[in-house]
């Protein structure tokens, strides 16, 4: 009985082009993934030290840890997308980055509003 080797489906030209486009798109982000991970780790350390010294920072800690993990995971996904050309990994990374920047923007606006409110409330006592 003659056995033929199992046929391995060949990648089509369209699939190859798609994979190359994903790789090219992910390369720029992948080059910065080390910095993304570094920033995420610094944020985690900063959040933990804030929690140790100030109990009221639990909410802030939760937000910053969540965003740090989003950023770290995004960096890992970008690396995989750049290496293997997987569009799903790039899409996941971009979705996590979108959420990271959305949360960071909301927190920044809240911080500005709290600062402005504090300035308005304390202005009469400043002079």
N, C-alpha and C. Protein backbone atom coordinates (compact mmCIF):
# COMPACT_ATOMS: atom_id res chain seq x y z
N UNK A 1 0.85 -1.17 0.00
CA UNK A 1 0.00 0.00 0.00
C UNK A 1 0.89 1.24 0.00
N UNK A 2 0.70 2.10 -0.95
CA UNK A 2 1.47 3.33 -1.08
C UNK A 2 0.81 4.44 -0.29
N UNK A 3 1.58 5.04 0.61
CA UNK A 3 1.04 6.17 1.37
C UNK A 3 1.65 7.45 0.83
N UNK A 4 0.78 8.37 0.55
CA UNK A 4 1.25 9.67 0.09
C UNK A 4 1.38 10.59 1.30
N UNK A 5 2.38 11.45 1.27
CA UNK A 5 2.53 12.36 2.40
C UNK A 5 1.30 13.27 2.52
N UNK A 6 0.97 13.56 3.77
CA UNK A 6 -0.18 14.45 4.00
C UNK A 6 0.08 15.78 3.32
N UNK A 7 -0.91 16.22 2.60
CA UNK A 7 -0.71 17.49 1.88
C UNK A 7 -0.83 18.66 2.85
N UNK A 8 0.14 19.52 2.79
CA UNK A 8 0.15 20.72 3.61
C UNK A 8 -0.37 21.85 2.74
N UNK A 9 -1.47 22.48 3.15
CA UNK A 9 -2.00 23.55 2.32
C UNK A 9 -0.98 24.68 2.19
N UNK A 10 -0.78 25.10 0.97
CA UNK A 10 0.16 26.18 0.73
C UNK A 10 -0.52 27.51 0.98
N UNK A 11 0.28 28.44 1.43
CA UNK A 11 -0.22 29.77 1.69
C UNK A 11 -0.48 30.47 0.35
N UNK A 12 -1.64 31.05 0.24
CA UNK A 12 -1.96 31.76 -0.99
C UNK A 12 -1.20 33.08 -1.04
N UNK A 13 -1.15 33.65 -2.21
CA UNK A 13 -0.48 34.93 -2.39
C UNK A 13 -1.15 36.01 -1.53
N UNK A 14 -2.47 35.98 -1.47
CA UNK A 14 -3.20 36.96 -0.66
C UNK A 14 -2.88 36.81 0.82
N UNK A 15 -2.82 35.56 1.30
CA UNK A 15 -2.48 35.32 2.71
C UNK A 15 -1.05 35.78 3.01
N UNK A 16 -0.15 35.55 2.08
CA UNK A 16 1.24 35.96 2.27
C UNK A 16 1.34 37.48 2.33
N UNK A 17 0.62 38.16 1.42
CA UNK A 17 0.61 39.63 1.42
C UNK A 17 0.01 40.17 2.72
N UNK A 18 -1.07 39.56 3.16
CA UNK A 18 -1.72 39.98 4.40
C UNK A 18 -0.76 39.83 5.58
N UNK A 19 -0.06 38.70 5.61
CA UNK A 19 0.89 38.44 6.69
C UNK A 19 2.02 39.47 6.68
N UNK A 20 2.50 39.83 5.50
CA UNK A 20 3.57 40.82 5.38
C UNK A 20 3.10 42.22 5.80
N UNK A 21 1.85 42.55 5.47
CA UNK A 21 1.29 43.84 5.87
C UNK A 21 1.20 43.93 7.39
N UNK A 22 0.73 42.84 8.01
CA UNK A 22 0.63 42.81 9.47
C UNK A 22 2.01 42.94 10.10
N UNK A 23 2.98 42.22 9.55
CA UNK A 23 4.35 42.30 10.08
C UNK A 23 4.88 43.73 9.99
N UNK A 24 4.67 44.36 8.84
CA UNK A 24 5.16 45.73 8.65
C UNK A 24 4.47 46.69 9.60
N UNK A 25 3.17 46.52 9.79
CA UNK A 25 2.42 47.41 10.67
C UNK A 25 2.84 47.23 12.13
N UNK A 26 3.17 46.01 12.50
CA UNK A 26 3.51 45.72 13.89
C UNK A 26 4.97 46.03 14.22
N UNK A 27 5.83 46.13 13.21
CA UNK A 27 7.26 46.36 13.46
C UNK A 27 7.52 47.63 14.26
N UNK A 28 6.87 48.74 13.88
CA UNK A 28 7.09 50.00 14.59
C UNK A 28 6.69 49.87 16.06
N UNK A 29 5.54 49.28 16.31
CA UNK A 29 5.13 49.09 17.70
C UNK A 29 6.05 48.12 18.42
N UNK A 30 6.49 47.09 17.72
CA UNK A 30 7.37 46.10 18.34
C UNK A 30 8.70 46.72 18.74
N UNK A 31 9.18 47.68 17.96
CA UNK A 31 10.43 48.35 18.32
C UNK A 31 10.29 49.12 19.62
N UNK A 32 9.10 49.56 19.93
CA UNK A 32 8.87 50.29 21.17
C UNK A 32 8.32 49.43 22.29
N UNK A 33 8.18 48.14 22.06
CA UNK A 33 7.56 47.28 23.07
C UNK A 33 8.41 47.19 24.33
N UNK A 34 9.71 47.31 24.21
CA UNK A 34 10.56 47.30 25.41
C UNK A 34 10.26 48.49 26.30
N UNK A 35 10.08 49.65 25.68
CA UNK A 35 9.74 50.85 26.45
C UNK A 35 8.33 50.75 27.02
N UNK A 36 7.43 50.13 26.28
CA UNK A 36 6.07 49.95 26.78
C UNK A 36 6.09 49.08 28.03
N UNK A 37 6.87 47.99 27.99
CA UNK A 37 6.98 47.11 29.15
C UNK A 37 7.65 47.82 30.31
N UNK A 38 8.69 48.60 30.01
CA UNK A 38 9.40 49.36 31.04
C UNK A 38 8.45 50.32 31.75
N UNK A 39 7.66 51.06 30.97
CA UNK A 39 6.69 51.99 31.54
C UNK A 39 5.65 51.25 32.38
N UNK A 40 5.22 50.11 31.90
CA UNK A 40 4.23 49.32 32.64
C UNK A 40 4.81 48.87 33.98
N UNK A 41 6.05 48.40 34.00
CA UNK A 41 6.68 47.95 35.24
C UNK A 41 6.87 49.12 36.21
N UNK A 42 7.32 50.27 35.70
CA UNK A 42 7.46 51.45 36.56
C UNK A 42 6.11 51.86 37.16
N UNK A 43 5.07 51.77 36.37
CA UNK A 43 3.73 52.11 36.85
C UNK A 43 3.30 51.15 37.95
N UNK A 44 3.59 49.88 37.77
CA UNK A 44 3.23 48.89 38.79
C UNK A 44 3.98 49.19 40.10
N UNK A 45 5.28 49.45 40.00
CA UNK A 45 6.08 49.75 41.19
C UNK A 45 5.56 51.02 41.87
N UNK A 46 5.29 52.05 41.08
CA UNK A 46 4.78 53.30 41.63
C UNK A 46 3.44 53.09 42.33
N UNK A 47 2.59 52.30 41.72
CA UNK A 47 1.27 52.05 42.30
C UNK A 47 1.37 51.30 43.62
N UNK A 48 2.24 50.33 43.69
CA UNK A 48 2.40 49.55 44.91
C UNK A 48 2.96 50.42 46.03
N UNK A 49 3.95 51.26 45.72
CA UNK A 49 4.49 52.14 46.76
C UNK A 49 3.44 53.16 47.21
N UNK A 50 2.61 53.63 46.29
CA UNK A 50 1.53 54.54 46.68
C UNK A 50 0.58 53.85 47.64
N UNK A 51 0.26 52.61 47.38
CA UNK A 51 -0.65 51.87 48.25
C UNK A 51 -0.05 51.69 49.63
N UNK A 52 1.24 51.42 49.69
CA UNK A 52 1.89 51.22 50.98
C UNK A 52 1.80 52.48 51.84
N UNK A 53 2.00 53.64 51.21
CA UNK A 53 2.07 54.88 51.98
C UNK A 53 0.74 55.62 52.12
N UNK A 54 -0.22 55.33 51.27
CA UNK A 54 -1.48 56.06 51.33
C UNK A 54 -2.63 55.11 51.03
N UNK A 55 -3.41 54.81 52.05
CA UNK A 55 -4.47 53.83 51.91
C UNK A 55 -5.55 54.26 50.94
N UNK A 56 -5.78 55.55 50.78
CA UNK A 56 -6.86 56.04 49.92
C UNK A 56 -6.56 55.86 48.44
N UNK A 57 -5.39 55.42 48.12
CA UNK A 57 -5.01 55.27 46.71
C UNK A 57 -5.43 53.93 46.12
N UNK A 58 -6.24 53.17 46.85
CA UNK A 58 -6.64 51.85 46.36
C UNK A 58 -7.31 51.96 44.99
N UNK A 59 -8.20 52.91 44.84
CA UNK A 59 -8.87 53.07 43.54
C UNK A 59 -7.86 53.45 42.46
N UNK A 60 -7.00 54.42 42.79
CA UNK A 60 -5.96 54.83 41.85
C UNK A 60 -5.03 53.66 41.52
N UNK A 61 -4.70 52.89 42.54
CA UNK A 61 -3.84 51.72 42.34
C UNK A 61 -4.50 50.74 41.37
N UNK A 62 -5.77 50.48 41.58
CA UNK A 62 -6.48 49.53 40.72
C UNK A 62 -6.45 50.00 39.26
N UNK A 63 -6.73 51.28 39.05
CA UNK A 63 -6.74 51.84 37.69
C UNK A 63 -5.34 51.77 37.07
N UNK A 64 -4.33 52.19 37.81
CA UNK A 64 -2.98 52.20 37.23
C UNK A 64 -2.44 50.80 37.00
N UNK A 65 -2.73 49.87 37.91
CA UNK A 65 -2.29 48.49 37.67
C UNK A 65 -2.99 47.91 36.45
N UNK A 66 -4.26 48.17 36.32
CA UNK A 66 -5.01 47.66 35.18
C UNK A 66 -4.42 48.21 33.88
N UNK A 67 -4.19 49.51 33.85
CA UNK A 67 -3.63 50.09 32.62
C UNK A 67 -2.21 49.61 32.36
N UNK A 68 -1.43 49.41 33.42
CA UNK A 68 -0.07 48.89 33.24
C UNK A 68 -0.11 47.48 32.65
N UNK A 69 -1.01 46.65 33.14
CA UNK A 69 -1.12 45.30 32.59
C UNK A 69 -1.63 45.33 31.15
N UNK A 70 -2.54 46.25 30.85
CA UNK A 70 -2.99 46.41 29.46
C UNK A 70 -1.82 46.76 28.55
N UNK A 71 -1.00 47.71 29.00
CA UNK A 71 0.15 48.15 28.22
C UNK A 71 1.17 47.03 28.06
N UNK A 72 1.44 46.29 29.12
CA UNK A 72 2.41 45.20 29.08
C UNK A 72 1.92 44.09 28.13
N UNK A 73 0.67 43.73 28.25
CA UNK A 73 0.12 42.68 27.40
C UNK A 73 0.09 43.12 25.93
N UNK A 74 -0.21 44.37 25.70
CA UNK A 74 -0.21 44.91 24.35
C UNK A 74 1.18 44.80 23.73
N UNK A 75 2.20 45.12 24.51
CA UNK A 75 3.57 45.02 24.01
C UNK A 75 3.92 43.59 23.63
N UNK A 76 3.48 42.64 24.43
CA UNK A 76 3.73 41.22 24.12
C UNK A 76 3.01 40.80 22.84
N UNK A 77 1.77 41.22 22.70
CA UNK A 77 0.99 40.88 21.51
C UNK A 77 1.59 41.49 20.25
N UNK A 78 2.09 42.72 20.36
CA UNK A 78 2.71 43.38 19.22
C UNK A 78 3.96 42.61 18.77
N UNK A 79 4.72 42.15 19.74
CA UNK A 79 5.90 41.36 19.42
C UNK A 79 5.53 40.10 18.67
N UNK A 80 4.48 39.43 19.09
CA UNK A 80 4.02 38.23 18.41
C UNK A 80 3.51 38.55 17.01
N UNK A 81 2.81 39.66 16.87
CA UNK A 81 2.29 40.06 15.56
C UNK A 81 3.44 40.38 14.61
N UNK A 82 4.46 41.05 15.13
CA UNK A 82 5.60 41.41 14.28
C UNK A 82 6.38 40.17 13.87
N UNK A 83 6.47 39.20 14.77
CA UNK A 83 7.26 38.00 14.48
C UNK A 83 6.53 37.05 13.53
N UNK A 84 5.25 36.85 13.77
CA UNK A 84 4.51 35.83 13.02
C UNK A 84 3.55 36.40 11.98
N UNK A 85 3.33 37.71 12.01
CA UNK A 85 2.43 38.33 11.05
C UNK A 85 0.97 37.98 11.27
N UNK A 86 0.59 37.79 12.51
CA UNK A 86 -0.79 37.42 12.83
C UNK A 86 -1.64 38.67 13.05
N UNK A 87 -2.60 38.84 12.19
CA UNK A 87 -3.48 40.02 12.27
C UNK A 87 -4.29 40.03 13.56
N UNK A 88 -4.69 38.87 14.05
CA UNK A 88 -5.49 38.83 15.28
C UNK A 88 -4.70 39.35 16.47
N UNK A 89 -3.41 39.03 16.52
CA UNK A 89 -2.56 39.52 17.62
C UNK A 89 -2.41 41.03 17.53
N UNK A 90 -2.23 41.56 16.32
CA UNK A 90 -2.11 43.00 16.15
C UNK A 90 -3.41 43.69 16.53
N UNK A 91 -4.54 43.10 16.14
CA UNK A 91 -5.84 43.69 16.49
C UNK A 91 -6.05 43.69 18.00
N UNK A 92 -5.67 42.60 18.68
CA UNK A 92 -5.79 42.54 20.14
C UNK A 92 -4.91 43.61 20.78
N UNK A 93 -3.68 43.73 20.28
CA UNK A 93 -2.75 44.73 20.83
C UNK A 93 -3.31 46.14 20.65
N UNK A 94 -3.82 46.42 19.48
CA UNK A 94 -4.36 47.75 19.21
C UNK A 94 -5.59 48.03 20.08
N UNK A 95 -6.41 47.01 20.31
CA UNK A 95 -7.59 47.17 21.15
C UNK A 95 -7.18 47.48 22.59
N UNK A 96 -6.15 46.79 23.08
CA UNK A 96 -5.66 47.05 24.43
C UNK A 96 -5.03 48.44 24.53
N UNK A 97 -4.32 48.86 23.49
CA UNK A 97 -3.75 50.20 23.47
C UNK A 97 -4.84 51.26 23.46
N UNK A 98 -5.90 51.01 22.69
CA UNK A 98 -7.03 51.93 22.65
C UNK A 98 -7.63 52.09 24.04
N UNK A 99 -7.83 50.98 24.72
CA UNK A 99 -8.41 51.02 26.06
C UNK A 99 -7.45 51.71 27.04
N UNK A 100 -6.15 51.44 26.92
CA UNK A 100 -5.15 52.09 27.77
C UNK A 100 -5.22 53.61 27.63
N UNK A 101 -5.21 54.10 26.39
CA UNK A 101 -5.24 55.54 26.17
C UNK A 101 -6.59 56.16 26.57
N UNK A 102 -7.66 55.42 26.40
CA UNK A 102 -8.97 55.92 26.81
C UNK A 102 -9.02 56.10 28.33
N UNK A 103 -8.60 55.08 29.06
CA UNK A 103 -8.60 55.16 30.52
C UNK A 103 -7.64 56.25 31.00
N UNK A 104 -6.45 56.31 30.41
CA UNK A 104 -5.47 57.33 30.79
C UNK A 104 -6.01 58.72 30.54
N UNK A 105 -6.71 58.92 29.44
CA UNK A 105 -7.31 60.22 29.14
C UNK A 105 -8.38 60.60 30.14
N UNK A 106 -9.22 59.65 30.49
CA UNK A 106 -10.28 59.91 31.47
C UNK A 106 -9.67 60.26 32.82
N UNK A 107 -8.67 59.50 33.24
CA UNK A 107 -8.00 59.77 34.52
C UNK A 107 -7.34 61.15 34.49
N UNK A 108 -6.72 61.51 33.37
CA UNK A 108 -6.07 62.82 33.25
C UNK A 108 -7.10 63.95 33.36
N UNK A 109 -8.24 63.79 32.71
CA UNK A 109 -9.30 64.81 32.78
C UNK A 109 -9.81 64.93 34.21
N UNK A 110 -10.02 63.81 34.87
CA UNK A 110 -10.48 63.83 36.27
C UNK A 110 -9.44 64.54 37.14
N UNK A 111 -8.17 64.23 36.91
CA UNK A 111 -7.10 64.87 37.67
C UNK A 111 -7.08 66.38 37.45
N UNK A 112 -7.27 66.81 36.21
CA UNK A 112 -7.32 68.24 35.93
C UNK A 112 -8.51 68.91 36.60
N UNK A 113 -9.66 68.26 36.57
CA UNK A 113 -10.86 68.81 37.21
C UNK A 113 -10.69 68.90 38.73
N UNK A 114 -10.10 67.87 39.32
CA UNK A 114 -9.86 67.90 40.77
C UNK A 114 -8.87 69.01 41.10
N UNK A 115 -7.83 69.15 40.29
CA UNK A 115 -6.85 70.22 40.51
C UNK A 115 -7.49 71.60 40.39
N UNK A 116 -8.32 71.77 39.38
CA UNK A 116 -9.01 73.05 39.19
C UNK A 116 -9.96 73.34 40.35
N UNK A 117 -10.70 72.33 40.77
CA UNK A 117 -11.60 72.48 41.91
C UNK A 117 -10.82 72.86 43.17
N UNK A 118 -9.70 72.18 43.39
CA UNK A 118 -8.86 72.47 44.55
C UNK A 118 -8.35 73.91 44.50
N UNK A 119 -7.95 74.35 43.33
CA UNK A 119 -7.46 75.72 43.16
C UNK A 119 -8.56 76.74 43.46
N UNK A 120 -9.74 76.47 42.97
CA UNK A 120 -10.87 77.39 43.20
C UNK A 120 -11.25 77.43 44.67
N UNK A 121 -11.28 76.27 45.32
CA UNK A 121 -11.68 76.21 46.73
C UNK A 121 -10.62 76.85 47.62
N UNK A 122 -9.35 76.65 47.33
CA UNK A 122 -8.28 77.16 48.20
C UNK A 122 -7.83 78.57 47.83
N UNK A 123 -8.27 79.11 46.73
CA UNK A 123 -7.85 80.45 46.28
C UNK A 123 -8.14 81.54 47.32
N UNK A 124 -9.29 81.54 47.98
CA UNK A 124 -9.54 82.59 48.96
C UNK A 124 -8.53 82.59 50.13
N UNK A 125 -7.98 81.45 50.47
CA UNK A 125 -7.04 81.36 51.59
C UNK A 125 -5.61 81.64 51.17
N UNK A 126 -5.37 81.57 49.86
CA UNK A 126 -4.01 81.81 49.38
C UNK A 126 -3.68 83.31 49.41
N UNK A 127 -4.63 84.11 49.12
CA UNK A 127 -4.37 85.52 49.22
C UNK A 127 -4.96 86.25 48.12
